[in-house]
Every structure is written in structure tokens, then in C-alpha cells.
Amino acid sequence: MSTPGIIAATFGWDQSEVKDYRYQDTRTSQAIYAVGDRYFAVGKRAPKDVVGGPWRPHADQVFAQRENTILWVSEAS
């Protein structure tokens, strides 16, 4: 499952909708998605890009764990 797929499954959204929220495509070292006042990323390690506040694991890891990864969240500052 792709990064947008994990985010979409976690929140019950359509994967194509999530792709529309890609944050500054090509300007971050890993794909980050901005939804409302939060930023989301997927990976085994927290993104190194400073976007919003500190990165922390999201409370709901069900779909990320199925893919052996972590869903990260950062609050807008």
C-alpha cells in the first residue's frame, strides 16, 4: 500500500483525494501531505523535513502496521 493509500485507509478517504494534498512536491525528502492544520507522512523514521511542529507517531497505526511502517503526524505551527 502506498503512502497516500495508508493515509486514505486510516481516515476513510479515497486515495485520489489524498494525492491532491501533497505538500510541496519535490521540495521534501519524503512525501508529506497537508490536510487541514496537520501534516502526514509514512515511513519507518520520522521525516527530517521541518514542517509544522515536531513529528510524532499518529494515534491510529492499524494500516501502517499492516505495511510494517509508521504513520507520522505534525501539527501546523
C-alpha atoms as a PDB file:
ATOM      1  CA  MET A   1       0.000   0.000   0.000  1.00  0.00           C
ATOM      2  CA  SER A   2       1.367   3.422  -0.910  1.00  0.00           C
ATOM      3  CA  THR A   3       1.743   6.428   1.372  1.00  0.00           C
ATOM      4  CA  PRO A   4      -1.496   8.010   0.094  1.00  0.00           C
ATOM      5  CA  GLY A   5      -3.146   4.594   0.454  1.00  0.00           C
ATOM      6  CA  ILE A   6      -2.185   4.268   4.122  1.00  0.00           C
ATOM      7  CA  ILE A   7      -3.368   7.801   4.894  1.00  0.00           C
ATOM      8  CA  ALA A   8      -6.614   7.265   2.955  1.00  0.00           C
ATOM      9  CA  ALA A   9      -7.337   3.943   4.684  1.00  0.00           C
ATOM     10  CA  THR A  10      -6.640   5.418   8.121  1.00  0.00           C
ATOM     11  CA  PHE A  11      -9.158   8.222   7.657  1.00  0.00           C
ATOM     12  CA  GLY A  12     -11.657   6.513   5.351  1.00  0.00           C
ATOM     13  CA  TRP A  13     -10.869   8.764   2.398  1.00  0.00           C
ATOM     14  CA  ASP A  14     -10.390   7.979  -1.273  1.00  0.00           C
ATOM     15  CA  GLN A  15      -6.742   7.592  -2.247  1.00  0.00           C
ATOM     16  CA  SER A  16      -7.103  10.013  -5.161  1.00  0.00           C
ATOM     17  CA  GLU A  17      -8.276  12.704  -2.731  1.00  0.00           C
ATOM     18  CA  VAL A  18      -5.173  12.309  -0.592  1.00  0.00           C
ATOM     19  CA  LYS A  19      -2.883  12.755  -3.603  1.00  0.00           C
ATOM     20  CA  ASP A  20      -4.354  16.244  -4.055  1.00  0.00           C
ATOM     21  CA  TYR A  21      -2.926  17.240  -0.649  1.00  0.00           C
ATOM     22  CA  ARG A  22       0.742  16.525  -1.469  1.00  0.00           C
ATOM     23  CA  TYR A  23       2.830  19.211   0.241  1.00  0.00           C
ATOM     24  CA  GLN A  24       5.439  20.948  -1.911  1.00  0.00           C
ATOM     25  CA  ASP A  25       6.107  18.047  -4.237  1.00  0.00           C
ATOM     26  CA  THR A  26       9.877  17.596  -4.846  1.00  0.00           C
ATOM     27  CA  ARG A  27      10.833  20.013  -2.044  1.00  0.00           C
ATOM     28  CA  THR A  28      10.789  17.480   0.784  1.00  0.00           C
ATOM     29  CA  SER A  29      12.932  14.389   1.217  1.00  0.00           C
ATOM     30  CA  GLN A  30       9.852  12.200   1.632  1.00  0.00           C
ATOM     31  CA  ALA A  31       6.212  12.580   0.620  1.00  0.00           C
ATOM     32  CA  ILE A  32       4.292  14.804   3.033  1.00  0.00           C
ATOM     33  CA  TYR A  33       0.574  15.505   2.823  1.00  0.00           C
ATOM     34  CA  ALA A  34      -1.039  18.632   4.299  1.00  0.00           C
ATOM     35  CA  VAL A  35      -4.624  18.129   5.452  1.00  0.00           C
ATOM     36  CA  GLY A  36      -6.195  20.974   7.410  1.00  0.00           C
ATOM     37  CA  ASP A  37      -3.756  22.014  10.128  1.00  0.00           C
ATOM     38  CA  ARG A  38      -1.855  18.713  10.132  1.00  0.00           C
ATOM     39  CA  TYR A  39       0.893  17.173   8.055  1.00  0.00           C
ATOM     40  CA  PHE A  40       1.172  13.424   7.459  1.00  0.00           C
ATOM     41  CA  ALA A  41       3.993  11.198   6.266  1.00  0.00           C
ATOM     42  CA  VAL A  42       4.651   7.466   6.195  1.00  0.00           C
ATOM     43  CA  GLY A  43       7.958   5.766   6.854  1.00  0.00           C
ATOM     44  CA  LYS A  44       9.969   3.784   9.355  1.00  0.00           C
ATOM     45  CA  ARG A  45      11.580   7.002  10.605  1.00  0.00           C
ATOM     46  CA  ALA A  46      10.174  10.465  11.214  1.00  0.00           C
ATOM     47  CA  PRO A  47      10.682  12.886   8.317  1.00  0.00           C
ATOM     48  CA  LYS A  48      13.752  15.091   8.580  1.00  0.00           C
ATOM     49  CA  ASP A  49      11.904  17.954   6.929  1.00  0.00           C
ATOM     50  CA  VAL A  50      10.784  20.645   9.367  1.00  0.00           C
ATOM     51  CA  VAL A  51       7.120  21.128   8.564  1.00  0.00           C
ATOM     52  CA  GLY A  52       4.928  22.369  11.394  1.00  0.00           C
ATOM     53  CA  GLY A  53       5.764  21.100  14.866  1.00  0.00           C
ATOM     54  CA  PRO A  54       7.729  18.015  15.841  1.00  0.00           C
ATOM     55  CA  TRP A  55       6.839  14.759  14.094  1.00  0.00           C
ATOM     56  CA  ARG A  56       5.202  12.085  16.258  1.00  0.00           C
ATOM     57  CA  PRO A  57       3.545   8.753  15.518  1.00  0.00           C
ATOM     58  CA  HIS A  58      -0.169   9.140  14.789  1.00  0.00           C
ATOM     59  CA  ALA A  59      -2.511   7.512  17.316  1.00  0.00           C
ATOM     60  CA  ASP A  60      -4.030   5.168  14.693  1.00  0.00           C
ATOM     61  CA  GLN A  61      -1.359   2.835  13.310  1.00  0.00           C
ATOM     62  CA  VAL A  62      -3.590  -0.038  12.099  1.00  0.00           C
ATOM     63  CA  PHE A  63      -2.989   0.327   8.354  1.00  0.00           C
ATOM     64  CA  ALA A  64       0.609   1.487   8.733  1.00  0.00           C
ATOM     65  CA  GLN A  65       1.462  -1.534  10.887  1.00  0.00           C
ATOM     66  CA  ARG A  66      -0.006  -3.850   8.263  1.00  0.00           C
ATOM     67  CA  GLU A  67       2.624  -2.448   5.897  1.00  0.00           C
ATOM     68  CA  ASN A  68       5.374  -2.598   8.549  1.00  0.00           C
ATOM     69  CA  THR A  69       5.775   1.181   8.677  1.00  0.00           C
ATOM     70  CA  ILE A  70       4.664   4.192  10.762  1.00  0.00           C
ATOM     71  CA  LEU A  71       2.137   6.976  10.067  1.00  0.00           C
ATOM     72  CA  TRP A  72       3.632  10.275  11.269  1.00  0.00           C
ATOM     73  CA  VAL A  73       1.774  13.487  12.080  1.00  0.00           C
ATOM     74  CA  SER A  74       2.913  17.067  12.662  1.00  0.00           C
ATOM     75  CA  GLU A  75       0.692  19.927  13.795  1.00  0.00           C
ATOM     76  CA  ALA A  76       0.894  23.238  11.913  1.00  0.00           C
ATOM     77  CA  SER A  77       2.713  25.843  13.952  1.00  0.00           C
END
